[in-house]
Protein backbone atom coordinates (compact mmCIF):
# COMPACT_ATOMS: atom_id res chain seq x y z
CA UNK A 1 -27.40 -4.78 9.72
CA UNK A 2 -23.44 -5.00 9.87
CA UNK A 3 -21.80 -7.78 8.72
CA UNK A 4 -18.75 -9.52 11.21
CA UNK A 5 -15.29 -9.72 10.48
CA UNK A 6 -13.75 -12.78 10.30
CA UNK A 7 -10.06 -13.90 10.56
CA UNK A 8 -10.41 -16.92 8.09
CA UNK A 9 -11.08 -14.94 5.10
CA UNK A 10 -8.27 -11.61 5.46
CA UNK A 11 -7.26 -12.23 2.61
CA UNK A 12 -10.64 -11.81 -0.11
CA UNK A 13 -8.85 -10.30 -3.22
CA UNK A 14 -5.46 -12.01 -3.70
CA UNK A 15 -4.42 -10.40 -6.60
CA UNK A 16 -5.29 -6.74 -5.16
CA UNK A 17 -4.28 -7.91 -1.73
CA UNK A 18 -1.00 -9.08 -2.40
CA UNK A 19 -0.15 -6.42 -5.13
CA UNK A 20 -0.35 -3.92 -2.12
CA UNK A 21 1.44 -6.84 0.50
CA UNK A 22 4.27 -6.90 -2.60
CA UNK A 23 4.80 -2.69 -2.95
CA UNK A 24 4.75 -2.25 0.88
CA UNK A 25 7.09 -5.30 1.66
CA UNK A 26 9.38 -3.72 -1.23
CA UNK A 27 9.68 -0.47 0.13
CA UNK A 28 10.92 -2.12 3.18
CA UNK A 29 13.38 -4.37 2.48
CA UNK A 30 15.24 -1.20 0.01
CA UNK A 31 14.72 0.85 2.98
CA UNK A 32 16.45 -1.78 4.89
CA UNK A 33 19.33 -2.41 2.49
CA UNK A 34 19.58 1.60 2.12
CA UNK A 35 19.96 1.83 5.64
CA UNK A 36 22.18 -1.78 6.36
CA UNK A 37 24.38 -0.03 3.17
CA UNK A 38 24.22 3.01 4.49
CA UNK A 39 26.00 2.41 8.52
CA UNK A 40 28.16 -0.59 6.26
CA UNK A 41 30.37 2.04 4.94
CA UNK A 42 29.97 4.87 7.56
CA UNK A 43 31.82 1.88 9.55
CA UNK A 44 34.17 1.09 7.89
CA UNK A 45 35.54 4.31 6.85
CA UNK A 46 35.50 5.83 9.89
CA UNK A 47 37.50 2.64 11.03
CA UNK A 48 39.91 3.59 8.39
CA UNK A 49 39.75 7.34 9.00
CA UNK A 50 40.56 6.66 13.18
CA UNK A 51 44.15 5.79 14.05
CA UNK A 52 43.10 3.72 17.64
CA UNK A 53 44.88 1.16 17.19
CA UNK A 54 44.91 -2.59 16.63
CA UNK A 55 42.90 -3.32 19.73
CA UNK A 56 40.02 -0.47 19.65
CA UNK A 57 39.82 -1.28 16.22
CA UNK A 58 38.97 -4.60 16.77
CA UNK A 59 36.91 -4.11 19.82
CA UNK A 60 34.69 -1.74 17.18
CA UNK A 61 34.63 -3.92 14.78
CA UNK A 62 33.13 -6.63 17.09
CA UNK A 63 30.77 -3.64 18.14
CA UNK A 64 30.05 -3.02 14.62
CA UNK A 65 28.94 -6.19 13.68
CA UNK A 66 26.43 -6.51 16.61
CA UNK A 67 25.17 -3.87 15.45
CA UNK A 68 24.53 -4.81 12.04
CA UNK A 69 22.88 -8.28 14.02
CA UNK A 70 20.89 -5.80 15.62
CA UNK A 71 19.84 -3.83 12.19
CA UNK A 72 19.03 -7.05 10.61
CA UNK A 73 16.98 -8.56 12.69
CA UNK A 74 14.62 -5.60 13.02
CA UNK A 75 14.16 -5.51 9.76
CA UNK A 76 12.85 -8.97 10.18
CA UNK A 77 10.43 -7.57 12.91
CA UNK A 78 9.63 -4.33 10.60
CA UNK A 79 8.91 -6.66 7.35
CA UNK A 80 6.72 -9.65 9.97
CA UNK A 81 5.10 -5.75 11.16
CA UNK A 82 4.59 -4.25 7.78
CA UNK A 83 2.84 -7.88 5.86
CA UNK A 84 -0.23 -8.16 8.95
CA UNK A 85 -0.30 -4.40 8.92
CA UNK A 86 -0.54 -3.95 5.09
CA UNK A 87 -3.15 -7.51 4.71
CA UNK A 88 -5.35 -5.74 7.07
CA UNK A 89 -5.42 -2.41 5.78
CA UNK A 90 -5.72 -4.07 2.03
CA UNK A 91 -8.31 -5.84 3.70
CA UNK A 92 -10.60 -3.39 4.41
CA UNK A 93 -10.47 -2.45 0.53
CA UNK A 94 -10.20 -5.44 -0.91
CA UNK A 95 -13.96 -6.93 1.39
CA UNK A 96 -15.50 -3.94 0.38
CA UNK A 97 -14.44 -4.05 -3.53
CA UNK A 98 -15.81 -7.88 -3.63
CA UNK A 99 -19.12 -6.93 -1.87
CA UNK A 100 -19.61 -4.40 -4.33
CA UNK A 101 -18.62 -6.48 -7.53
CA UNK A 102 -20.92 -9.35 -5.79
CA UNK A 103 -23.98 -7.22 -5.36
CA UNK A 104 -23.49 -5.60 -9.22
CA UNK A 105 -23.17 -9.22 -10.16
CA UNK A 106 -26.15 -10.01 -8.13
CA UNK A 107 -28.37 -7.05 -10.37
CA UNK A 108 -27.39 -8.34 -13.16
CA UNK A 109 -29.36 -11.47 -13.23
CA UNK A 110 -32.03 -9.79 -11.18
CA UNK A 111 -31.93 -10.55 -7.24
CA UNK A 112 -29.76 -8.02 -6.18
CA UNK A 113 -29.93 -5.95 -2.74
CA UNK A 114 -28.86 -3.50 -0.32
CA UNK A 115 -24.76 -3.41 0.14
CA UNK A 116 -23.89 -3.42 3.77
CA UNK A 117 -20.09 -2.49 4.83
CA UNK A 118 -19.30 -3.74 7.88
CA UNK A 119 -17.60 -0.60 10.55
CA UNK A 120 -14.32 0.30 9.54
CA UNK A 121 -13.90 -0.87 6.10
CA UNK A 122 -13.56 1.97 3.11
CA UNK A 123 -15.73 2.32 0.64
CA UNK A 124 -18.87 3.26 2.24
CA UNK A 125 -19.45 6.50 -0.11
CA UNK A 126 -19.04 3.79 -3.11
CA UNK A 127 -21.43 1.32 -1.61
CA UNK A 128 -23.74 4.38 -0.72
CA UNK A 129 -24.06 5.16 -4.69
CA UNK A 130 -24.61 1.71 -5.48
CA UNK A 131 -27.07 1.66 -3.51
CA UNK A 132 -29.23 4.29 -4.78
CA UNK A 133 -28.42 3.16 -8.81
CA UNK A 134 -29.66 0.06 -8.01
CA UNK A 135 -32.87 1.27 -5.84
CA UNK A 136 -33.43 3.95 -8.98
CA UNK A 137 -33.44 1.09 -11.55
CA UNK A 138 -36.03 -1.50 -9.65
CA UNK A 139 -37.96 1.56 -8.88
CA UNK A 140 -37.74 2.19 -13.39
CA UNK A 141 -38.79 -1.86 -13.20
CA UNK A 142 -42.14 -0.86 -11.27
């Protein structure tokens, strides 16, 4: 029997999922900063080295400023998308871990059941091994 997903419980193992989220967002932020610095210094060097005249340099500087604004807005959108995707992906790992831990605790108290994971979840192989272990333990008790 397959369990259904609910948007309400997207954060199941807070520590694990937020650790993953911080890592993904950290990588995105570092990439944004490096890209921004690269673009900024490239434009500064090109403005200094070109002999375009005051009028052309002023308009080129405005264009560069607008481009930086676009890069910042794209970065914000990228952060939001990366954050949501990392929560979704981490949920597919954290959910099964939660169910496996819960079931192992139940087995230790004598009331364990078969682990059933949702379609799309990770760790199906681990759940199958734990189910085999539980079956073997229950067979030995009989």
